[in-house]
Structures are given as structure tokens and as C-alpha cells.
Amino acid sequence: MIELQNVAIGYSGHDLISEMSLRLVPGSFHFLTGPSGAGKTSFLKMCYAEMLPTAGQMALFGRDVHSINRDERAMMRQRIGVVHQDCQFLDHLSVAENVALPLTVSGRSVHGQELRELLSWVGLRSQADALPPELSGGERQRAALARAVMMSPDILLADEPTGNLDWEMSLRLLTLLVELNRMGKTVVIATHDMNLIRQAKAQVSARVLRISGHRLQLAGADL
């Protein structure tokens, strides 16, 4: 699904990560760790083609990212769900409308039953008509997850999804991510929370990737 060969990413001639080779296969589960500023967010941006490699080769769904045009790249992004660290919503739209926004923007019809089932899955059925400012931090993250999977993506990328949540809510969000993986989705979670990674041990077979010294390293065997 995502294949990297001797890839580098960076800004203004400065490499955040270099000589990076990795293959993310369908149905795999990865945690991405490393200190602040190491390049975790940039790595995720590259995975959904918002950033392109500054060196090396990258294939996304079997296509070289440098050979596809902007429209093709946009189509590929529909197969990738992203939960940003600071999830943003349109505050004048309801939770349900915000979750359905990817379908609305792409011109696809929204099926009410499917939307209700998705909101129930993340525990937000009763907040469907609420406005985003009325949600707690945990509810916002679950709404962001629902929006990310609205298009039934093949890959889900989450950037510090539990960073502002308490432990109980972090575990609840982790459970949802594990369920997605068991449905066959490829999941990549960038996190500083080693306790979250340890908690995943009994639930999912995962690999830990660590960015250190401008290199992407495998940080241990299966959890």
C-alpha cells in the first residue's frame, strides 16, 4: 500500500528523515514514536501525499507519487483517513454534518442509516445534532475518527490522537482503532504515549517505528 525506498523528507534543504525504507502492507498496525520535532507529522503527511519525498522513491497503492497529477493524488487520498492532532470542525454544522463532510465534498450521497451506525460505533449517536463547541475533548477525537473513516478508507493515519485525552478515553479510542485494524484497515498511530503502546500488546499485533537521528528505525519485535 505504501512503499518507501531510500526516501528523504524535509524542508528548505534540511532533511528531517533520510535513507528511509519501509513497506506498510494491508492490514498492518504500526506505532510511530520519536521526540518532538523528529518528523512524525511530516512522515504522516508524506503517507497521504500532502508532502512528497525530497529524495528516493515512494509508491502509494502501487503508483509512484511523483508520476501522478494533482487530481489523481486527490483520488488516492480518498482511500486514506487522517485524524489530525488538532482536529478542526466547522462549528456552524452539526456533529453529523461534520462527520459526513468528506462524502458531501466529494459529491457522494450521504445515507442516513450508515451515518447513524457510524456515530453509534464511536459513541456519539446522542450528540448527532450537537455543534462541535459543545463536545468534550474525547468526543471531538471520536468525531474526528468517525469523519476519517466515513469514506471507508484502506489506511488510517492518526497523529497523537490521545495527546489531550485522559487514560480512560485514550483506551476507548485505542479500542476503536484496533477494531478498524481487525476489519482489515492499515493503521499508523504517531504517539509519545508508551503506556498506550504497551496497552495495545494484548489486543493487536503491531510494530513500533522510531524516528531517531534523522533515521526511521524498527524499535523492537511484535508487541
C-alpha atoms as a PDB file:
ATOM      1  CA  MET A   1       0.000   0.000   0.000  1.00  0.00           C
ATOM      2  CA  ILE A   2       2.824   2.381   0.924  1.00  0.00           C
ATOM      3  CA  GLU A   3       6.374   1.545  -0.122  1.00  0.00           C
ATOM      4  CA  LEU A   4       9.399   3.709   0.599  1.00  0.00           C
ATOM      5  CA  GLN A   5      12.872   3.134  -0.803  1.00  0.00           C
ATOM      6  CA  ASN A   6      15.757   5.303   0.453  1.00  0.00           C
ATOM      7  CA  VAL A   7      13.335   8.183   0.938  1.00  0.00           C
ATOM      8  CA  ALA A   8      14.164  11.549   2.493  1.00  0.00           C
ATOM      9  CA  ILE A   9      11.727  14.224   3.655  1.00  0.00           C
ATOM     10  CA  GLY A  10      12.462  17.710   4.858  1.00  0.00           C
ATOM     11  CA  TYR A  11      12.171  21.445   4.363  1.00  0.00           C
ATOM     12  CA  SER A  12      14.428  24.057   2.773  1.00  0.00           C
ATOM     13  CA  GLY A  13      17.229  21.623   2.065  1.00  0.00           C
ATOM     14  CA  HIS A  14      17.232  20.210   5.604  1.00  0.00           C
ATOM     15  CA  ASP A  15      16.318  16.531   5.894  1.00  0.00           C
ATOM     16  CA  LEU A  16      14.122  15.555   8.841  1.00  0.00           C
ATOM     17  CA  ILE A  17      14.437  11.896   7.896  1.00  0.00           C
ATOM     18  CA  SER A  18      16.745  10.332   5.329  1.00  0.00           C
ATOM     19  CA  GLU A  19      17.566   6.905   3.883  1.00  0.00           C
ATOM     20  CA  MET A  20      14.115   5.667   4.926  1.00  0.00           C
ATOM     21  CA  SER A  21      12.912   2.321   3.554  1.00  0.00           C
ATOM     22  CA  LEU A  22       9.620   0.835   4.704  1.00  0.00           C
ATOM     23  CA  ARG A  23       6.671  -1.160   3.429  1.00  0.00           C
ATOM     24  CA  LEU A  24       3.239  -0.809   5.009  1.00  0.00           C
ATOM     25  CA  VAL A  25       1.216  -3.844   3.964  1.00  0.00           C
ATOM     26  CA  PRO A  26      -2.594  -4.204   4.027  1.00  0.00           C
ATOM     27  CA  GLY A  27      -3.952  -4.899   7.492  1.00  0.00           C
ATOM     28  CA  SER A  28      -0.777  -3.962   9.368  1.00  0.00           C
ATOM     29  CA  PHE A  29      -0.685  -1.887  12.560  1.00  0.00           C
ATOM     30  CA  HIS A  30       2.186   0.481  13.323  1.00  0.00           C
ATOM     31  CA  PHE A  31       3.032   2.882  16.126  1.00  0.00           C
ATOM     32  CA  LEU A  32       5.334   5.769  15.240  1.00  0.00           C
ATOM     33  CA  THR A  33       7.393   7.269  18.069  1.00  0.00           C
ATOM     34  CA  GLY A  34      10.191   9.777  18.478  1.00  0.00           C
ATOM     35  CA  PRO A  35      10.904  13.112  20.149  1.00  0.00           C
ATOM     36  CA  SER A  36       9.036  16.298  19.302  1.00  0.00           C
ATOM     37  CA  GLY A  37      10.324  17.792  16.080  1.00  0.00           C
ATOM     38  CA  ALA A  38      11.739  14.488  14.845  1.00  0.00           C
ATOM     39  CA  GLY A  39       9.423  14.419  11.846  1.00  0.00           C
ATOM     40  CA  LYS A  40       6.477  12.223  12.868  1.00  0.00           C
ATOM     41  CA  THR A  41       3.846  14.603  11.491  1.00  0.00           C
ATOM     42  CA  SER A  42       5.871  15.117   8.308  1.00  0.00           C
ATOM     43  CA  PHE A  43       6.095  11.347   7.886  1.00  0.00           C
ATOM     44  CA  LEU A  44       2.310  11.066   8.129  1.00  0.00           C
ATOM     45  CA  LYS A  45       1.859  13.949   5.671  1.00  0.00           C
ATOM     46  CA  MET A  46       4.051  12.067   3.225  1.00  0.00           C
ATOM     47  CA  CYS A  47       1.933   8.948   3.679  1.00  0.00           C
ATOM     48  CA  TYR A  48      -1.152  10.814   2.443  1.00  0.00           C
ATOM     49  CA  ALA A  49       0.837  12.708  -0.200  1.00  0.00           C
ATOM     50  CA  GLU A  50       0.461  16.169   1.292  1.00  0.00           C
ATOM     51  CA  MET A  51       4.268  16.202   1.294  1.00  0.00           C
ATOM     52  CA  LEU A  52       6.349  14.477  -1.354  1.00  0.00           C
ATOM     53  CA  PRO A  53       9.759  12.882  -0.755  1.00  0.00           C
ATOM     54  CA  THR A  54      12.746  15.102  -1.451  1.00  0.00           C
ATOM     55  CA  ALA A  55      14.787  12.027  -2.436  1.00  0.00           C
ATOM     56  CA  GLY A  56      14.253   8.326  -3.072  1.00  0.00           C
ATOM     57  CA  GLN A  57      11.173   6.517  -4.351  1.00  0.00           C
ATOM     58  CA  MET A  58       7.693   6.270  -2.863  1.00  0.00           C
ATOM     59  CA  ALA A  59       4.783   4.213  -4.173  1.00  0.00           C
ATOM     60  CA  LEU A  60       1.232   4.735  -2.943  1.00  0.00           C
ATOM     61  CA  PHE A  61      -1.207   1.989  -3.894  1.00  0.00           C
ATOM     62  CA  GLY A  62       1.302   0.809  -6.473  1.00  0.00           C
ATOM     63  CA  ARG A  63       1.802   4.231  -8.123  1.00  0.00           C
ATOM     64  CA  ASP A  64       4.933   6.351  -7.954  1.00  0.00           C
ATOM     65  CA  VAL A  65       3.797   9.528  -6.180  1.00  0.00           C
ATOM     66  CA  HIS A  66       5.981  11.684  -8.425  1.00  0.00           C
ATOM     67  CA  SER A  67       4.240  10.375 -11.544  1.00  0.00           C
ATOM     68  CA  ILE A  68       0.651  11.172 -10.565  1.00  0.00           C
ATOM     69  CA  ASN A  69      -1.055  14.517 -11.109  1.00  0.00           C
ATOM     70  CA  ARG A  70      -2.941  16.568  -8.546  1.00  0.00           C
ATOM     71  CA  ASP A  71      -6.351  15.103  -9.393  1.00  0.00           C
ATOM     72  CA  GLU A  72      -5.048  11.532  -9.158  1.00  0.00           C
ATOM     73  CA  ARG A  73      -3.438  12.369  -5.837  1.00  0.00           C
ATOM     74  CA  ALA A  74      -6.754  13.709  -4.546  1.00  0.00           C
ATOM     75  CA  MET A  75      -8.479  10.480  -5.582  1.00  0.00           C
ATOM     76  CA  MET A  76      -5.848   8.432  -3.754  1.00  0.00           C
ATOM     77  CA  ARG A  77      -6.368  10.489  -0.605  1.00  0.00           C
ATOM     78  CA  GLN A  78      -9.974   9.306  -0.525  1.00  0.00           C
ATOM     79  CA  ARG A  79      -8.538   5.887   0.346  1.00  0.00           C
ATOM     80  CA  ILE A  80      -6.679   7.327   3.341  1.00  0.00           C
ATOM     81  CA  GLY A  81      -8.345   8.548   6.527  1.00  0.00           C
ATOM     82  CA  VAL A  82      -6.481  11.052   8.700  1.00  0.00           C
ATOM     83  CA  VAL A  83      -7.059  12.020  12.328  1.00  0.00           C
ATOM     84  CA  HIS A  84      -5.078  15.204  12.951  1.00  0.00           C
ATOM     85  CA  GLN A  85      -3.567  16.118  16.310  1.00  0.00           C
ATOM     86  CA  ASP A  86      -5.653  19.284  16.450  1.00  0.00           C
ATOM     87  CA  CYS A  87      -8.927  18.166  14.896  1.00  0.00           C
ATOM     88  CA  GLN A  88     -10.821  21.020  13.254  1.00  0.00           C
ATOM     89  CA  PHE A  89     -14.557  21.195  12.606  1.00  0.00           C
ATOM     90  CA  LEU A  90     -16.986  23.645  11.037  1.00  0.00           C
ATOM     91  CA  ASP A  91     -18.641  24.995  14.152  1.00  0.00           C
ATOM     92  CA  HIS A  92     -21.852  26.034  12.379  1.00  0.00           C
ATOM     93  CA  LEU A  93     -22.503  22.444  11.256  1.00  0.00           C
ATOM     94  CA  SER A  94     -23.766  19.659  13.484  1.00  0.00           C
ATOM     95  CA  VAL A  95     -21.583  16.730  14.503  1.00  0.00           C
ATOM     96  CA  ALA A  96     -23.391  14.520  11.985  1.00  0.00           C
ATOM     97  CA  GLU A  97     -22.859  17.062   9.187  1.00  0.00           C
ATOM     98  CA  ASN A  98     -19.171  17.394  10.066  1.00  0.00           C
ATOM     99  CA  VAL A  99     -18.693  13.630  10.058  1.00  0.00           C
ATOM    100  CA  ALA A 100     -20.444  13.358   6.682  1.00  0.00           C
ATOM    101  CA  LEU A 101     -18.438  16.243   5.193  1.00  0.00           C
ATOM    102  CA  PRO A 102     -15.953  14.047   3.238  1.00  0.00           C
ATOM    103  CA  LEU A 103     -18.874  12.481   1.363  1.00  0.00           C
ATOM    104  CA  THR A 104     -20.552  15.840   0.825  1.00  0.00           C
ATOM    105  CA  VAL A 105     -17.387  17.447  -0.555  1.00  0.00           C
ATOM    106  CA  SER A 106     -16.748  14.516  -2.904  1.00  0.00           C
ATOM    107  CA  GLY A 107     -20.286  14.747  -4.258  1.00  0.00           C
ATOM    108  CA  ARG A 108     -21.374  11.389  -2.894  1.00  0.00           C
ATOM    109  CA  SER A 109     -24.768  10.864  -1.305  1.00  0.00           C
ATOM    110  CA  VAL A 110     -24.999  10.505   2.459  1.00  0.00           C
ATOM    111  CA  HIS A 111     -27.008   7.530   3.690  1.00  0.00           C
ATOM    112  CA  GLY A 112     -28.650   8.360   6.982  1.00  0.00           C
ATOM    113  CA  GLN A 113     -28.621   4.822   8.332  1.00  0.00           C
ATOM    114  CA  GLU A 114     -24.897   4.387   7.673  1.00  0.00           C
ATOM    115  CA  LEU A 115     -24.158   7.735   9.293  1.00  0.00           C
ATOM    116  CA  ARG A 116     -26.194   6.831  12.373  1.00  0.00           C
ATOM    117  CA  GLU A 117     -24.413   3.480  12.644  1.00  0.00           C
ATOM    118  CA  LEU A 118     -21.028   5.168  12.409  1.00  0.00           C
ATOM    119  CA  LEU A 119     -21.947   7.694  15.108  1.00  0.00           C
ATOM    120  CA  SER A 120     -23.184   4.849  17.296  1.00  0.00           C
ATOM    121  CA  TRP A 121     -19.914   2.998  16.760  1.00  0.00           C
ATOM    122  CA  VAL A 122     -17.915   5.930  18.171  1.00  0.00           C
ATOM    123  CA  GLY A 123     -20.498   6.509  20.916  1.00  0.00           C
ATOM    124  CA  LEU A 124     -21.863   9.801  19.573  1.00  0.00           C
ATOM    125  CA  ARG A 125     -25.365   8.866  18.424  1.00  0.00           C
ATOM    126  CA  SER A 126     -26.971  11.140  21.021  1.00  0.00           C
ATOM    127  CA  GLN A 127     -24.694  14.045  20.037  1.00  0.00           C
ATOM    128  CA  ALA A 128     -25.508  13.864  16.308  1.00  0.00           C
ATOM    129  CA  ASP A 129     -27.309  17.226  16.328  1.00  0.00           C
ATOM    130  CA  ALA A 130     -24.876  18.952  18.699  1.00  0.00           C
ATOM    131  CA  LEU A 131     -22.440  21.604  17.499  1.00  0.00           C
ATOM    132  CA  PRO A 132     -18.680  20.949  17.807  1.00  0.00           C
ATOM    133  CA  PRO A 133     -18.094  23.555  20.578  1.00  0.00           C
ATOM    134  CA  GLU A 134     -20.480  21.545  22.771  1.00  0.00           C
ATOM    135  CA  LEU A 135     -18.276  18.428  22.632  1.00  0.00           C
ATOM    136  CA  SER A 136     -15.662  17.373  25.161  1.00  0.00           C
ATOM    137  CA  GLY A 137     -12.105  16.650  24.057  1.00  0.00           C
ATOM    138  CA  GLY A 138     -12.744  12.930  23.917  1.00  0.00           C
ATOM    139  CA  GLU A 139     -15.951  13.399  21.957  1.00  0.00           C
ATOM    140  CA  ARG A 140     -14.146  15.630  19.452  1.00  0.00           C
ATOM    141  CA  GLN A 141     -11.483  12.980  18.879  1.00  0.00           C
ATOM    142  CA  ARG A 142     -14.125  10.292  18.361  1.00  0.00           C
ATOM    143  CA  ALA A 143     -15.964  12.572  15.942  1.00  0.00           C
ATOM    144  CA  ALA A 144     -12.668  13.122  14.097  1.00  0.00           C
ATOM    145  CA  LEU A 145     -12.182   9.356  13.887  1.00  0.00           C
ATOM    146  CA  ALA A 146     -15.705   8.897  12.527  1.00  0.00           C
ATOM    147  CA  ARG A 147     -15.067  11.566   9.892  1.00  0.00           C
ATOM    148  CA  ALA A 148     -11.761   9.897   8.948  1.00  0.00           C
ATOM    149  CA  VAL A 149     -13.446   6.547   8.284  1.00  0.00           C
ATOM    150  CA  MET A 150     -16.582   7.983   6.631  1.00  0.00           C
ATOM    151  CA  MET A 151     -15.208   7.117   3.172  1.00  0.00           C
ATOM    152  CA  SER A 152     -14.251   3.577   4.274  1.00  0.00           C
ATOM    153  CA  PRO A 153     -10.515   4.146   3.682  1.00  0.00           C
ATOM    154  CA  ASP A 154      -7.931   1.407   3.304  1.00  0.00           C
ATOM    155  CA  ILE A 155      -5.418   3.240   5.515  1.00  0.00           C
ATOM    156  CA  LEU A 156      -5.972   5.221   8.713  1.00  0.00           C
ATOM    157  CA  LEU A 157      -3.302   7.658   9.943  1.00  0.00           C
ATOM    158  CA  ALA A 158      -3.647   9.191  13.407  1.00  0.00           C
ATOM    159  CA  ASP A 159      -1.352  11.953  14.694  1.00  0.00           C
ATOM    160  CA  GLU A 160      -1.199  11.914  18.516  1.00  0.00           C
ATOM    161  CA  PRO A 161      -4.922  11.044  18.725  1.00  0.00           C
ATOM    162  CA  THR A 162      -4.820  10.614  22.521  1.00  0.00           C
ATOM    163  CA  GLY A 163      -2.475  13.501  23.297  1.00  0.00           C
ATOM    164  CA  ASN A 164      -5.116  15.609  25.083  1.00  0.00           C
ATOM    165  CA  LEU A 165      -7.229  12.784  26.497  1.00  0.00           C
ATOM    166  CA  ASP A 166      -7.347  11.145  29.899  1.00  0.00           C
ATOM    167  CA  TRP A 167      -6.340   7.492  30.210  1.00  0.00           C
ATOM    168  CA  GLU A 168      -9.881   6.092  30.123  1.00  0.00           C
ATOM    169  CA  MET A 169     -10.741   7.973  26.951  1.00  0.00           C
ATOM    170  CA  SER A 170      -7.374   7.047  25.413  1.00  0.00           C
ATOM    171  CA  LEU A 171      -8.183   3.373  25.916  1.00  0.00           C
ATOM    172  CA  ARG A 172     -11.615   3.844  24.380  1.00  0.00           C
ATOM    173  CA  LEU A 173     -10.113   5.445  21.287  1.00  0.00           C
ATOM    174  CA  LEU A 174      -7.449   2.718  21.080  1.00  0.00           C
ATOM    175  CA  THR A 175     -10.191   0.075  21.130  1.00  0.00           C
ATOM    176  CA  LEU A 176     -11.863   1.730  18.130  1.00  0.00           C
ATOM    177  CA  LEU A 177      -8.560   1.831  16.240  1.00  0.00           C
ATOM    178  CA  VAL A 178      -7.917  -1.834  16.992  1.00  0.00           C
ATOM    179  CA  GLU A 179     -11.414  -2.692  15.745  1.00  0.00           C
ATOM    180  CA  LEU A 180     -10.650  -0.908  12.477  1.00  0.00           C
ATOM    181  CA  ASN A 181      -7.461  -2.925  12.105  1.00  0.00           C
ATOM    182  CA  ARG A 182      -9.372  -6.154  12.684  1.00  0.00           C
ATOM    183  CA  MET A 183     -11.642  -5.082   9.840  1.00  0.00           C
ATOM    184  CA  GLY A 184      -8.572  -5.139   7.584  1.00  0.00           C
ATOM    185  CA  LYS A 185      -7.567  -1.475   7.721  1.00  0.00           C
ATOM    186  CA  THR A 186      -3.899  -0.497   7.841  1.00  0.00           C
ATOM    187  CA  VAL A 187      -3.376   1.715  10.908  1.00  0.00           C
ATOM    188  CA  VAL A 188      -0.470   4.041  11.727  1.00  0.00           C
ATOM    189  CA  ILE A 189      -0.543   5.941  15.043  1.00  0.00           C
ATOM    190  CA  ALA A 190       2.024   8.609  15.909  1.00  0.00           C
ATOM    191  CA  THR A 191       2.278   8.860  19.696  1.00  0.00           C
ATOM    192  CA  HIS A 192       4.524   9.784  22.608  1.00  0.00           C
ATOM    193  CA  ASP A 193       2.478   7.571  24.941  1.00  0.00           C
ATOM    194  CA  MET A 194       4.438   4.395  25.613  1.00  0.00           C
ATOM    195  CA  ASN A 195       1.734   3.231  28.035  1.00  0.00           C
ATOM    196  CA  LEU A 196      -0.729   3.272  25.152  1.00  0.00           C
ATOM    197  CA  ILE A 197       1.617   1.117  23.096  1.00  0.00           C
ATOM    198  CA  ARG A 198       2.050  -1.326  25.982  1.00  0.00           C
ATOM    199  CA  GLN A 199      -1.724  -1.473  26.452  1.00  0.00           C
ATOM    200  CA  ALA A 200      -2.093  -2.498  22.809  1.00  0.00           C
ATOM    201  CA  LYS A 201       0.047  -5.581  23.449  1.00  0.00           C
ATOM    202  CA  ALA A 202      -2.862  -7.838  24.336  1.00  0.00           C
ATOM    203  CA  GLN A 203      -5.093  -6.526  21.572  1.00  0.00           C
ATOM    204  CA  VAL A 204      -3.163  -6.308  18.330  1.00  0.00           C
ATOM    205  CA  SER A 205      -0.001  -7.440  16.592  1.00  0.00           C
ATOM    206  CA  ALA A 206       1.857  -4.199  15.943  1.00  0.00           C
ATOM    207  CA  ARG A 207       5.251  -2.867  15.046  1.00  0.00           C
ATOM    208  CA  VAL A 208       6.889   0.146  16.619  1.00  0.00           C
ATOM    209  CA  LEU A 209       8.755   2.553  14.372  1.00  0.00           C
ATOM    210  CA  ARG A 210      11.004   5.180  15.925  1.00  0.00           C
ATOM    211  CA  ILE A 211      12.444   8.293  14.341  1.00  0.00           C
ATOM    212  CA  SER A 212      15.858   8.988  15.838  1.00  0.00           C
ATOM    213  CA  GLY A 213      18.925  10.737  14.474  1.00  0.00           C
ATOM    214  CA  HIS A 214      17.128  11.520  11.176  1.00  0.00           C
ATOM    215  CA  ARG A 215      16.568   7.788  10.615  1.00  0.00           C
ATOM    216  CA  LEU A 216      13.476   5.599  10.785  1.00  0.00           C
ATOM    217  CA  GLN A 217      14.221   2.563  12.949  1.00  0.00           C
ATOM    218  CA  LEU A 218      12.357  -0.564  13.935  1.00  0.00           C
ATOM    219  CA  ALA A 219      12.082  -0.258  17.717  1.00  0.00           C
ATOM    220  CA  GLY A 220      11.504  -3.881  18.654  1.00  0.00           C
ATOM    221  CA  ALA A 221       9.703  -7.070  17.757  1.00  0.00           C
ATOM    222  CA  ASP A 222       5.972  -7.607  17.627  1.00  0.00           C
ATOM    223  CA  LEU A 223       4.185  -6.174  20.645  1.00  0.00           C
END
